Amino acid sequence: MDRTVRHNGQPRPELRDRDRPGHPAGSRLREGPAQRLAVSGHGAGDGEGALAVLVDEVAVEQRGDEDEPDLGAGGPSDFGGGSADFDVLAPDRESLRPKLIWFNAGLTIALLTALVIGVLPIAVLFMIGCGLALIVNYPRLEQQRARIASHADSVVAVVAMVFAAAVFTGVLSGTGMIEQMAHYLLTAMPDALFPFFSIIVAVLSVPFTFFMSNDAFYFGVMPILAEAGAQHGIGAVEIARASLLGQPIHMLSPLVPAMYVLIGLAKVDLGDHHRFAIKWALVVCAVVIAAGFGLGLVAIH
């Protein structure tokens, strides 16, 4: 049977013999100096004997306190005190390489430059950069394996999400479902609402960019909406501006890989993240749409 006692969420060692109820040594420690003085048979008039007993008992208590682990402030549960939850952010973590800061900065700049120029495909560039960083910063195989394992949870989750998002987007685009949804939306919309069409597009961009990828929305839905707007005298530029006003909520979409990396590092559940952040993202979207209308970026025709 596991007799581990927990204190402040942390396991404590099994009780020692002297700490168990009924043990003479434990009872002696739990008693105060005055009680132990009375048991010892020394009265208040026995000055030297009483002083000797008190000194002895205080010393016993101090030794007992020193043996107890300190699980309060500054204990293992505190940040930087050995907690594995935030080891990736700890300022004194073992994975830091301060002596290689200039090499890592140069490698990062070179990688970004190669990405902008388009020397090689993005995946190839990142594989080359990752390999060089691992070999230089962690020359031993054990170190490289530990670094890869520390990021395995985030990598697996993001890769699985990317594949799932690709399948979802491919089904929507390949089967023509996106175009049919856009046509159905335009067919069901009364003609009296078309003067407000750019504002409607701005409002629709909020759920559309959350539930589908940017590629699917901007290359699949937007051409149809822009064509419908042109038939009612609304320019394609205004429709394009309206479609961008829902972007504040897009970074909360389950189809954004970066969000999984961030919540993995912060040890936050996706559901908790959405429950906290979506309401504020909706408020930001409403403010942006209102500001766009006030500045004349979208208008009533």
C-alpha atoms as a PDB file:
ATOM      1  CA  MET A   1       0.000   0.000   0.000  1.00  0.00           C
ATOM      2  CA  ASP A   2       1.282   3.455  -0.898  1.00  0.00           C
ATOM      3  CA  ARG A   3       1.610   5.374   2.371  1.00  0.00           C
ATOM      4  CA  THR A   4       3.087   8.474   0.786  1.00  0.00           C
ATOM      5  CA  VAL A   5       1.735  11.620   2.390  1.00  0.00           C
ATOM      6  CA  ARG A   6       1.178  14.603   0.143  1.00  0.00           C
ATOM      7  CA  HIS A   7       1.738  18.188   1.220  1.00  0.00           C
ATOM      8  CA  ASN A   8       0.905  21.156  -1.050  1.00  0.00           C
ATOM      9  CA  GLY A   9       0.487  18.798  -3.981  1.00  0.00           C
ATOM     10  CA  GLN A  10       3.992  17.290  -3.552  1.00  0.00           C
ATOM     11  CA  PRO A  11       4.843  13.794  -2.272  1.00  0.00           C
ATOM     12  CA  ARG A  12       6.535  13.554   1.100  1.00  0.00           C
ATOM     13  CA  PRO A  13       8.745  10.696   2.210  1.00  0.00           C
ATOM     14  CA  GLU A  14       7.195   7.898   4.231  1.00  0.00           C
ATOM     15  CA  LEU A  15       6.894   8.657   7.932  1.00  0.00           C
ATOM     16  CA  ARG A  16       9.900   7.794  10.030  1.00  0.00           C
ATOM     17  CA  ASP A  17       9.536   5.586  13.091  1.00  0.00           C
ATOM     18  CA  ARG A  18       9.831   8.500  15.492  1.00  0.00           C
ATOM     19  CA  ASP A  19       7.061  10.374  13.602  1.00  0.00           C
ATOM     20  CA  ARG A  20       4.491   7.594  13.947  1.00  0.00           C
ATOM     21  CA  PRO A  21       1.757   8.018  16.581  1.00  0.00           C
ATOM     22  CA  GLY A  22       2.601   6.250  19.821  1.00  0.00           C
ATOM     23  CA  HIS A  23       6.348   6.076  19.217  1.00  0.00           C
ATOM     24  CA  PRO A  24       8.258   7.381  22.278  1.00  0.00           C
ATOM     25  CA  ALA A  25      10.630   9.541  20.255  1.00  0.00           C
ATOM     26  CA  GLY A  26       7.797  11.000  18.204  1.00  0.00           C
ATOM     27  CA  SER A  27       5.732  11.741  21.274  1.00  0.00           C
ATOM     28  CA  ARG A  28       8.720  13.406  22.830  1.00  0.00           C
ATOM     29  CA  LEU A  29       9.183  15.665  19.811  1.00  0.00           C
ATOM     30  CA  ARG A  30       5.525  16.580  19.631  1.00  0.00           C
ATOM     31  CA  GLU A  31       5.463  17.664  23.266  1.00  0.00           C
ATOM     32  CA  GLY A  32       6.468  21.193  24.138  1.00  0.00           C
ATOM     33  CA  PRO A  33       9.523  21.984  26.301  1.00  0.00           C
ATOM     34  CA  ALA A  34       7.317  22.758  29.295  1.00  0.00           C
ATOM     35  CA  GLN A  35       5.603  19.360  29.172  1.00  0.00           C
ATOM     36  CA  ARG A  36       8.903  17.527  28.772  1.00  0.00           C
ATOM     37  CA  LEU A  37      10.350  19.532  31.667  1.00  0.00           C
ATOM     38  CA  ALA A  38       7.488  18.402  33.894  1.00  0.00           C
ATOM     39  CA  VAL A  39       7.959  14.767  32.869  1.00  0.00           C
ATOM     40  CA  SER A  40      11.677  14.939  33.572  1.00  0.00           C
ATOM     41  CA  GLY A  41      10.944  15.604  37.261  1.00  0.00           C
ATOM     42  CA  HIS A  42      12.739  18.968  37.455  1.00  0.00           C
ATOM     43  CA  GLY A  43      10.703  21.672  39.131  1.00  0.00           C
ATOM     44  CA  ALA A  44      10.874  25.384  38.716  1.00  0.00           C
ATOM     45  CA  GLY A  45      13.258  25.678  41.628  1.00  0.00           C
ATOM     46  CA  ASP A  46      15.845  23.360  40.103  1.00  0.00           C
ATOM     47  CA  GLY A  47      17.542  26.140  38.085  1.00  0.00           C
ATOM     48  CA  GLU A  48      20.552  24.337  36.655  1.00  0.00           C
ATOM     49  CA  GLY A  49      18.696  21.067  36.007  1.00  0.00           C
ATOM     50  CA  ALA A  50      15.786  22.833  34.369  1.00  0.00           C
ATOM     51  CA  LEU A  51      18.095  24.860  32.130  1.00  0.00           C
ATOM     52  CA  ALA A  52      19.945  21.736  31.029  1.00  0.00           C
ATOM     53  CA  VAL A  53      16.697  19.963  30.180  1.00  0.00           C
ATOM     54  CA  LEU A  54      15.413  22.940  28.181  1.00  0.00           C
ATOM     55  CA  VAL A  55      18.635  23.240  26.180  1.00  0.00           C
ATOM     56  CA  ASP A  56      18.575  19.529  25.429  1.00  0.00           C
ATOM     57  CA  GLU A  57      14.936  19.549  24.326  1.00  0.00           C
ATOM     58  CA  VAL A  58      15.324  22.621  22.110  1.00  0.00           C
ATOM     59  CA  ALA A  59      18.298  20.968  20.405  1.00  0.00           C
ATOM     60  CA  VAL A  60      16.218  17.825  19.775  1.00  0.00           C
ATOM     61  CA  GLU A  61      13.420  19.915  18.237  1.00  0.00           C
ATOM     62  CA  GLN A  62      15.839  21.759  15.972  1.00  0.00           C
ATOM     63  CA  ARG A  63      17.323  18.514  14.703  1.00  0.00           C
ATOM     64  CA  GLY A  64      13.842  17.212  13.989  1.00  0.00           C
ATOM     65  CA  ASP A  65      12.908  20.367  12.060  1.00  0.00           C
ATOM     66  CA  GLU A  66      16.080  20.204   9.967  1.00  0.00           C
ATOM     67  CA  ASP A  67      15.221  16.646   8.916  1.00  0.00           C
ATOM     68  CA  GLU A  68      11.862  17.747   7.521  1.00  0.00           C
ATOM     69  CA  PRO A  69      11.862  18.740   3.815  1.00  0.00           C
ATOM     70  CA  ASP A  70      10.873  22.329   3.133  1.00  0.00           C
ATOM     71  CA  LEU A  71       7.855  22.149   0.854  1.00  0.00           C
ATOM     72  CA  GLY A  72       6.775  25.750   1.177  1.00  0.00           C
ATOM     73  CA  ALA A  73       7.972  28.774  -0.755  1.00  0.00           C
ATOM     74  CA  GLY A  74      10.958  28.020  -2.887  1.00  0.00           C
ATOM     75  CA  GLY A  75      10.205  24.282  -2.905  1.00  0.00           C
ATOM     76  CA  PRO A  76      10.164  21.956  -5.889  1.00  0.00           C
ATOM     77  CA  SER A  77       6.781  23.172  -7.015  1.00  0.00           C
ATOM     78  CA  ASP A  78       8.014  26.719  -7.541  1.00  0.00           C
ATOM     79  CA  PHE A  79       9.162  28.000 -10.927  1.00  0.00           C
ATOM     80  CA  GLY A  80      12.816  27.308 -11.506  1.00  0.00           C
ATOM     81  CA  GLY A  81      12.977  24.923  -8.542  1.00  0.00           C
ATOM     82  CA  GLY A  82      12.923  21.715 -10.523  1.00  0.00           C
ATOM     83  CA  SER A  83       9.396  21.806 -11.911  1.00  0.00           C
ATOM     84  CA  ALA A  84       9.195  19.902 -15.181  1.00  0.00           C
ATOM     85  CA  ASP A  85       6.060  21.782 -16.297  1.00  0.00           C
ATOM     86  CA  PHE A  86       7.922  24.978 -17.194  1.00  0.00           C
ATOM     87  CA  ASP A  87      11.388  23.588 -17.770  1.00  0.00           C
ATOM     88  CA  VAL A  88      11.267  24.833 -21.359  1.00  0.00           C
ATOM     89  CA  LEU A  89      10.995  28.414 -20.058  1.00  0.00           C
ATOM     90  CA  ALA A  90      13.336  28.154 -17.060  1.00  0.00           C
ATOM     91  CA  PRO A  91      16.137  30.737 -17.277  1.00  0.00           C
ATOM     92  CA  ASP A  92      18.705  28.259 -15.918  1.00  0.00           C
ATOM     93  CA  ARG A  93      17.669  25.226 -17.972  1.00  0.00           C
ATOM     94  CA  GLU A  94      20.365  22.829 -19.128  1.00  0.00           C
ATOM     95  CA  SER A  95      19.475  23.201 -22.806  1.00  0.00           C
ATOM     96  CA  LEU A  96      20.681  26.821 -22.998  1.00  0.00           C
ATOM     97  CA  ARG A  97      23.846  27.459 -25.024  1.00  0.00           C
ATOM     98  CA  PRO A  98      24.890  31.064 -24.223  1.00  0.00           C
ATOM     99  CA  LYS A  99      28.362  30.576 -25.732  1.00  0.00           C
ATOM    100  CA  LEU A 100      26.790  29.741 -29.106  1.00  0.00           C
ATOM    101  CA  ILE A 101      24.423  32.709 -29.225  1.00  0.00           C
ATOM    102  CA  TRP A 102      26.191  34.298 -32.217  1.00  0.00           C
ATOM    103  CA  PHE A 103      26.221  31.050 -34.186  1.00  0.00           C
ATOM    104  CA  ASN A 104      22.508  30.520 -33.500  1.00  0.00           C
ATOM    105  CA  ALA A 105      21.715  34.132 -34.419  1.00  0.00           C
ATOM    106  CA  GLY A 106      23.657  33.796 -37.682  1.00  0.00           C
ATOM    107  CA  LEU A 107      21.962  30.497 -38.479  1.00  0.00           C
ATOM    108  CA  THR A 108      18.532  32.048 -37.860  1.00  0.00           C
ATOM    109  CA  ILE A 109      19.277  35.058 -40.073  1.00  0.00           C
ATOM    110  CA  ALA A 110      20.660  32.814 -42.832  1.00  0.00           C
ATOM    111  CA  LEU A 111      17.567  30.588 -42.652  1.00  0.00           C
ATOM    112  CA  LEU A 112      15.184  33.552 -42.846  1.00  0.00           C
ATOM    113  CA  THR A 113      17.140  35.000 -45.768  1.00  0.00           C
ATOM    114  CA  ALA A 114      16.996  31.691 -47.624  1.00  0.00           C
ATOM    115  CA  LEU A 115      13.244  31.493 -46.951  1.00  0.00           C
ATOM    116  CA  VAL A 116      12.652  34.975 -48.368  1.00  0.00           C
ATOM    117  CA  ILE A 117      14.825  34.369 -51.436  1.00  0.00           C
ATOM    118  CA  GLY A 118      13.337  30.921 -51.994  1.00  0.00           C
ATOM    119  CA  VAL A 119      16.607  29.044 -52.402  1.00  0.00           C
ATOM    120  CA  LEU A 120      15.002  25.687 -51.587  1.00  0.00           C
ATOM    121  CA  PRO A 121      11.543  24.484 -50.558  1.00  0.00           C
ATOM    122  CA  ILE A 122      10.536  25.531 -47.041  1.00  0.00           C
ATOM    123  CA  ALA A 123      10.564  21.990 -45.657  1.00  0.00           C
ATOM    124  CA  VAL A 124      14.088  21.326 -46.959  1.00  0.00           C
ATOM    125  CA  LEU A 125      15.425  24.590 -45.504  1.00  0.00           C
ATOM    126  CA  PHE A 126      13.979  23.871 -42.086  1.00  0.00           C
ATOM    127  CA  MET A 127      15.373  20.337 -42.083  1.00  0.00           C
ATOM    128  CA  ILE A 128      18.855  21.643 -42.945  1.00  0.00           C
ATOM    129  CA  GLY A 129      18.638  24.378 -40.295  1.00  0.00           C
ATOM    130  CA  CYS A 130      17.383  21.972 -37.640  1.00  0.00           C
ATOM    131  CA  GLY A 131      20.148  19.476 -38.422  1.00  0.00           C
ATOM    132  CA  LEU A 132      22.884  22.108 -38.197  1.00  0.00           C
ATOM    133  CA  ALA A 133      21.490  23.510 -34.942  1.00  0.00           C
ATOM    134  CA  LEU A 134      21.318  20.069 -33.322  1.00  0.00           C
ATOM    135  CA  ILE A 135      24.818  19.030 -34.418  1.00  0.00           C
ATOM    136  CA  VAL A 136      26.508  22.243 -33.242  1.00  0.00           C
ATOM    137  CA  ASN A 137      24.540  22.882 -30.032  1.00  0.00           C
ATOM    138  CA  TYR A 138      24.232  19.257 -28.933  1.00  0.00           C
ATOM    139  CA  PRO A 139      27.104  17.263 -30.429  1.00  0.00           C
ATOM    140  CA  ARG A 140      26.357  14.038 -28.517  1.00  0.00           C
ATOM    141  CA  LEU A 141      23.647  11.689 -29.734  1.00  0.00           C
ATOM    142  CA  GLU A 142      22.109  11.432 -26.267  1.00  0.00           C
ATOM    143  CA  GLN A 143      21.685  15.202 -26.090  1.00  0.00           C
ATOM    144  CA  GLN A 144      20.092  15.332 -29.540  1.00  0.00           C
ATOM    145  CA  ARG A 145      17.698  12.543 -28.616  1.00  0.00           C
ATOM    146  CA  ALA A 146      16.704  14.364 -25.416  1.00  0.00           C
ATOM    147  CA  ARG A 147      16.051  17.620 -27.281  1.00  0.00           C
ATOM    148  CA  ILE A 148      13.895  15.893 -29.897  1.00  0.00           C
ATOM    149  CA  ALA A 149      11.987  13.978 -27.219  1.00  0.00           C
ATOM    150  CA  SER A 150      11.272  17.179 -25.275  1.00  0.00           C
ATOM    151  CA  HIS A 151       9.412  18.588 -28.305  1.00  0.00           C
ATOM    152  CA  ALA A 152       7.830  15.314 -29.419  1.00  0.00           C
ATOM    153  CA  ASP A 153       4.395  16.017 -27.911  1.00  0.00           C
ATOM    154  CA  SER A 154       4.006  19.348 -29.697  1.00  0.00           C
ATOM    155  CA  VAL A 155       5.432  18.036 -32.971  1.00  0.00           C
ATOM    156  CA  VAL A 156       3.165  14.986 -33.107  1.00  0.00           C
ATOM    157  CA  ALA A 157       0.068  17.038 -32.278  1.00  0.00           C
ATOM    158  CA  VAL A 158       0.868  19.708 -34.872  1.00  0.00           C
ATOM    159  CA  VAL A 159       1.727  17.200 -37.622  1.00  0.00           C
ATOM    160  CA  ALA A 160      -1.468  15.245 -36.985  1.00  0.00           C
ATOM    161  CA  MET A 161      -3.467  18.476 -37.059  1.00  0.00           C
ATOM    162  CA  VAL A 162      -1.849  19.584 -40.327  1.00  0.00           C
ATOM    163  CA  PHE A 163      -2.721  16.287 -41.990  1.00  0.00           C
ATOM    164  CA  ALA A 164      -6.288  16.455 -40.643  1.00  0.00           C
ATOM    165  CA  ALA A 165      -6.672  20.056 -41.815  1.00  0.00           C
ATOM    166  CA  ALA A 166      -5.344  19.128 -45.258  1.00  0.00           C
ATOM    167  CA  VAL A 167      -7.887  16.318 -45.540  1.00  0.00           C
ATOM    168  CA  PHE A 168     -10.705  18.596 -44.345  1.00  0.00           C
ATOM    169  CA  THR A 169      -9.758  21.397 -46.730  1.00  0.00           C
ATOM    170  CA  GLY A 170      -9.234  18.948 -49.590  1.00  0.00           C
ATOM    171  CA  VAL A 171     -12.680  17.440 -49.100  1.00  0.00           C
ATOM    172  CA  LEU A 172     -14.328  20.871 -48.997  1.00  0.00           C
ATOM    173  CA  SER A 173     -12.477  22.110 -52.082  1.00  0.00           C
ATOM    174  CA  GLY A 174     -12.300  18.929 -54.137  1.00  0.00           C
ATOM    175  CA  THR A 175     -15.979  18.076 -53.814  1.00  0.00           C
ATOM    176  CA  GLY A 176     -17.147  21.613 -54.608  1.00  0.00           C
ATOM    177  CA  MET A 177     -18.812  22.035 -51.211  1.00  0.00           C
ATOM    178  CA  ILE A 178     -17.291  25.495 -50.653  1.00  0.00           C
ATOM    179  CA  GLU A 179     -18.630  26.851 -53.932  1.00  0.00           C
ATOM    180  CA  GLN A 180     -22.054  25.342 -53.248  1.00  0.00           C
ATOM    181  CA  MET A 181     -22.179  26.930 -49.787  1.00  0.00           C
ATOM    182  CA  ALA A 182     -21.330  30.330 -51.255  1.00  0.00           C
ATOM    183  CA  HIS A 183     -23.959  29.980 -54.001  1.00  0.00           C
ATOM    184  CA  TYR A 184     -26.582  28.854 -51.481  1.00  0.00           C
ATOM    185  CA  LEU A 185     -25.772  31.848 -49.284  1.00  0.00           C
ATOM    186  CA  LEU A 186     -26.190  34.277 -52.172  1.00  0.00           C
ATOM    187  CA  THR A 187     -29.401  32.602 -53.340  1.00  0.00           C
ATOM    188  CA  ALA A 188     -30.958  32.758 -49.874  1.00  0.00           C
ATOM    189  CA  MET A 189     -30.031  36.424 -49.355  1.00  0.00           C
ATOM    190  CA  PRO A 190     -32.858  38.888 -50.121  1.00  0.00           C
ATOM    191  CA  ASP A 191     -32.120  41.686 -52.556  1.00  0.00           C
ATOM    192  CA  ALA A 192     -32.886  44.234 -49.842  1.00  0.00           C
ATOM    193  CA  LEU A 193     -29.714  43.172 -47.983  1.00  0.00           C
ATOM    194  CA  PHE A 194     -27.301  43.721 -50.867  1.00  0.00           C
ATOM    195  CA  PRO A 195     -26.703  47.403 -49.993  1.00  0.00           C
ATOM    196  CA  PHE A 196     -25.185  46.031 -46.761  1.00  0.00           C
ATOM    197  CA  PHE A 197     -23.290  43.304 -48.618  1.00  0.00           C
ATOM    198  CA  SER A 198     -19.755  44.428 -47.681  1.00  0.00           C
ATOM    199  CA  ILE A 199     -20.709  44.547 -43.989  1.00  0.00           C
ATOM    200  CA  ILE A 200     -22.297  41.107 -44.310  1.00  0.00           C
ATOM    201  CA  VAL A 201     -19.083  39.780 -45.856  1.00  0.00           C
ATOM    202  CA  ALA A 202     -17.117  41.225 -42.917  1.00  0.00           C
ATOM    203  CA  VAL A 203     -19.432  39.458 -40.441  1.00  0.00           C
ATOM    204  CA  LEU A 204     -19.311  36.185 -42.402  1.00  0.00           C
ATOM    205  CA  SER A 205     -15.501  36.246 -42.436  1.00  0.00           C
ATOM    206  CA  VAL A 206     -15.530  35.683 -38.657  1.00  0.00           C
ATOM    207  CA  PRO A 207     -16.982  32.124 -38.649  1.00  0.00           C
ATOM    208  CA  PHE A 208     -15.638  31.259 -42.102  1.00  0.00           C
ATOM    209  CA  THR A 209     -12.001  31.960 -41.215  1.00  0.00           C
ATOM    210  CA  PHE A 210     -12.448  30.086 -37.930  1.00  0.00           C
ATOM    211  CA  PHE A 211     -13.915  26.894 -39.372  1.00  0.00           C
ATOM    212  CA  MET A 212     -11.910  26.723 -42.595  1.00  0.00           C
ATOM    213  CA  SER A 213      -8.399  27.545 -43.703  1.00  0.00           C
ATOM    214  CA  ASN A 214      -7.479  30.876 -45.233  1.00  0.00           C
ATOM    215  CA  ASP A 215      -6.779  29.210 -48.577  1.00  0.00           C
ATOM    216  CA  ALA A 216     -10.217  27.616 -48.685  1.00  0.00           C
ATOM    217  CA  PHE A 217     -11.956  30.865 -47.767  1.00  0.00           C
ATOM    218  CA  TYR A 218     -10.014  33.350 -49.863  1.00  0.00           C
ATOM    219  CA  PHE A 219      -9.563  31.169 -52.947  1.00  0.00           C
ATOM    220  CA  GLY A 220     -12.849  29.277 -52.764  1.00  0.00           C
ATOM    221  CA  VAL A 221     -15.493  31.557 -51.258  1.00  0.00           C
ATOM    222  CA  MET A 222     -14.211  35.068 -51.905  1.00  0.00           C
ATOM    223  CA  PRO A 223     -14.222  34.940 -55.733  1.00  0.00           C
ATOM    224  CA  ILE A 224     -17.925  34.025 -55.650  1.00  0.00           C
ATOM    225  CA  LEU A 225     -18.735  36.779 -53.139  1.00  0.00           C
ATOM    226  CA  ALA A 226     -16.716  39.320 -55.113  1.00  0.00           C
ATOM    227  CA  GLU A 227     -18.585  38.400 -58.298  1.00  0.00           C
ATOM    228  CA  ALA A 228     -21.918  38.757 -56.524  1.00  0.00           C
ATOM    229  CA  GLY A 229     -20.861  42.136 -55.141  1.00  0.00           C
ATOM    230  CA  ALA A 230     -19.809  43.349 -58.599  1.00  0.00           C
ATOM    231  CA  GLN A 231     -23.281  42.537 -59.948  1.00  0.00           C
ATOM    232  CA  HIS A 232     -24.714  44.970 -57.371  1.00  0.00           C
ATOM    233  CA  GLY A 233     -22.159  47.725 -57.897  1.00  0.00           C
ATOM    234  CA  ILE A 234     -19.783  46.880 -55.032  1.00  0.00           C
ATOM    235  CA  GLY A 235     -16.107  46.821 -55.969  1.00  0.00           C
ATOM    236  CA  ALA A 236     -13.922  43.774 -55.451  1.00  0.00           C
ATOM    237  CA  VAL A 237     -11.448  45.825 -53.402  1.00  0.00           C
ATOM    238  CA  GLU A 238     -14.107  46.688 -50.838  1.00  0.00           C
ATOM    239  CA  ILE A 239     -15.178  43.047 -50.615  1.00  0.00           C
ATOM    240  CA  ALA A 240     -11.543  42.060 -50.119  1.00  0.00           C
ATOM    241  CA  ARG A 241     -11.131  44.616 -47.323  1.00  0.00           C
ATOM    242  CA  ALA A 242     -14.316  43.360 -45.668  1.00  0.00           C
ATOM    243  CA  SER A 243     -13.090  39.766 -45.773  1.00  0.00           C
ATOM    244  CA  LEU A 244      -9.996  40.695 -43.746  1.00  0.00           C
ATOM    245  CA  LEU A 245     -11.917  42.145 -40.799  1.00  0.00           C
ATOM    246  CA  GLY A 246     -12.627  38.718 -39.297  1.00  0.00           C
ATOM    247  CA  GLN A 247      -8.971  37.775 -38.988  1.00  0.00           C
ATOM    248  CA  PRO A 248      -8.653  38.456 -35.220  1.00  0.00           C
ATOM    249  CA  ILE A 249     -10.423  35.172 -34.531  1.00  0.00           C
ATOM    250  CA  HIS A 250      -8.522  33.161 -37.132  1.00  0.00           C
ATOM    251  CA  MET A 251      -5.534  32.531 -34.837  1.00  0.00           C
ATOM    252  CA  LEU A 252      -7.885  30.638 -32.489  1.00  0.00           C
ATOM    253  CA  SER A 253      -8.944  28.292 -35.278  1.00  0.00           C
ATOM    254  CA  PRO A 254      -8.199  24.574 -34.763  1.00  0.00           C
ATOM    255  CA  LEU A 255      -6.652  24.692 -38.248  1.00  0.00           C
ATOM    256  CA  VAL A 256      -3.745  26.939 -37.162  1.00  0.00           C
ATOM    257  CA  PRO A 257      -0.673  24.833 -36.267  1.00  0.00           C
ATOM    258  CA  ALA A 258       1.073  27.603 -34.315  1.00  0.00           C
ATOM    259  CA  MET A 259      -1.705  27.629 -31.713  1.00  0.00           C
ATOM    260  CA  TYR A 260      -1.002  24.004 -30.773  1.00  0.00           C
ATOM    261  CA  VAL A 261       2.661  24.804 -30.234  1.00  0.00           C
ATOM    262  CA  LEU A 262       1.818  27.773 -28.004  1.00  0.00           C
ATOM    263  CA  ILE A 263      -0.753  25.995 -25.835  1.00  0.00           C
ATOM    264  CA  GLY A 264       1.616  23.042 -25.558  1.00  0.00           C
ATOM    265  CA  LEU A 265       4.379  25.270 -24.222  1.00  0.00           C
ATOM    266  CA  ALA A 266       1.967  27.021 -21.862  1.00  0.00           C
ATOM    267  CA  LYS A 267       0.458  23.693 -20.677  1.00  0.00           C
ATOM    268  CA  VAL A 268      -3.063  24.954 -21.465  1.00  0.00           C
ATOM    269  CA  ASP A 269      -5.921  22.779 -22.687  1.00  0.00           C
ATOM    270  CA  LEU A 270      -7.387  23.727 -26.069  1.00  0.00           C
ATOM    271  CA  GLY A 271     -10.923  23.837 -24.688  1.00  0.00           C
ATOM    272  CA  ASP A 272      -9.902  26.100 -21.805  1.00  0.00           C
ATOM    273  CA  HIS A 273      -8.037  28.337 -24.241  1.00  0.00           C
ATOM    274  CA  HIS A 274     -11.092  28.682 -26.478  1.00  0.00           C
ATOM    275  CA  ARG A 275     -13.482  29.300 -23.582  1.00  0.00           C
ATOM    276  CA  PHE A 276     -11.285  32.135 -22.332  1.00  0.00           C
ATOM    277  CA  ALA A 277     -10.127  33.745 -25.589  1.00  0.00           C
ATOM    278  CA  ILE A 278     -12.984  33.418 -28.090  1.00  0.00           C
ATOM    279  CA  LYS A 279     -15.231  35.949 -26.365  1.00  0.00           C
ATOM    280  CA  TRP A 280     -12.434  38.537 -26.424  1.00  0.00           C
ATOM    281  CA  ALA A 281     -11.626  37.741 -30.051  1.00  0.00           C
ATOM    282  CA  LEU A 282     -15.272  38.317 -30.968  1.00  0.00           C
ATOM    283  CA  VAL A 283     -15.165  41.676 -29.195  1.00  0.00           C
ATOM    284  CA  VAL A 284     -12.034  42.613 -31.157  1.00  0.00           C
ATOM    285  CA  CYS A 285     -13.724  41.567 -34.419  1.00  0.00           C
ATOM    286  CA  ALA A 286     -16.740  43.742 -33.609  1.00  0.00           C
ATOM    287  CA  VAL A 287     -14.474  46.714 -32.852  1.00  0.00           C
ATOM    288  CA  VAL A 288     -12.511  46.193 -36.083  1.00  0.00           C
ATOM    289  CA  ILE A 289     -15.672  45.939 -38.196  1.00  0.00           C
ATOM    290  CA  ALA A 290     -17.121  49.056 -36.556  1.00  0.00           C
ATOM    291  CA  ALA A 291     -13.835  50.911 -37.130  1.00  0.00           C
ATOM    292  CA  GLY A 292     -13.785  49.799 -40.779  1.00  0.00           C
ATOM    293  CA  PHE A 293     -17.313  51.114 -41.246  1.00  0.00           C
ATOM    294  CA  GLY A 294     -16.445  54.360 -39.486  1.00  0.00           C
ATOM    295  CA  LEU A 295     -13.361  54.887 -41.638  1.00  0.00           C
ATOM    296  CA  GLY A 296     -15.226  54.123 -44.843  1.00  0.00           C
ATOM    297  CA  LEU A 297     -13.373  50.886 -45.633  1.00  0.00           C
ATOM    298  CA  VAL A 298     -16.742  49.151 -45.841  1.00  0.00           C
ATOM    299  CA  ALA A 299     -19.906  51.079 -46.562  1.00  0.00           C
ATOM    300  CA  ILE A 300     -23.647  50.864 -47.115  1.00  0.00           C
ATOM    301  CA  HIS A 301     -24.537  51.253 -50.805  1.00  0.00           C
END
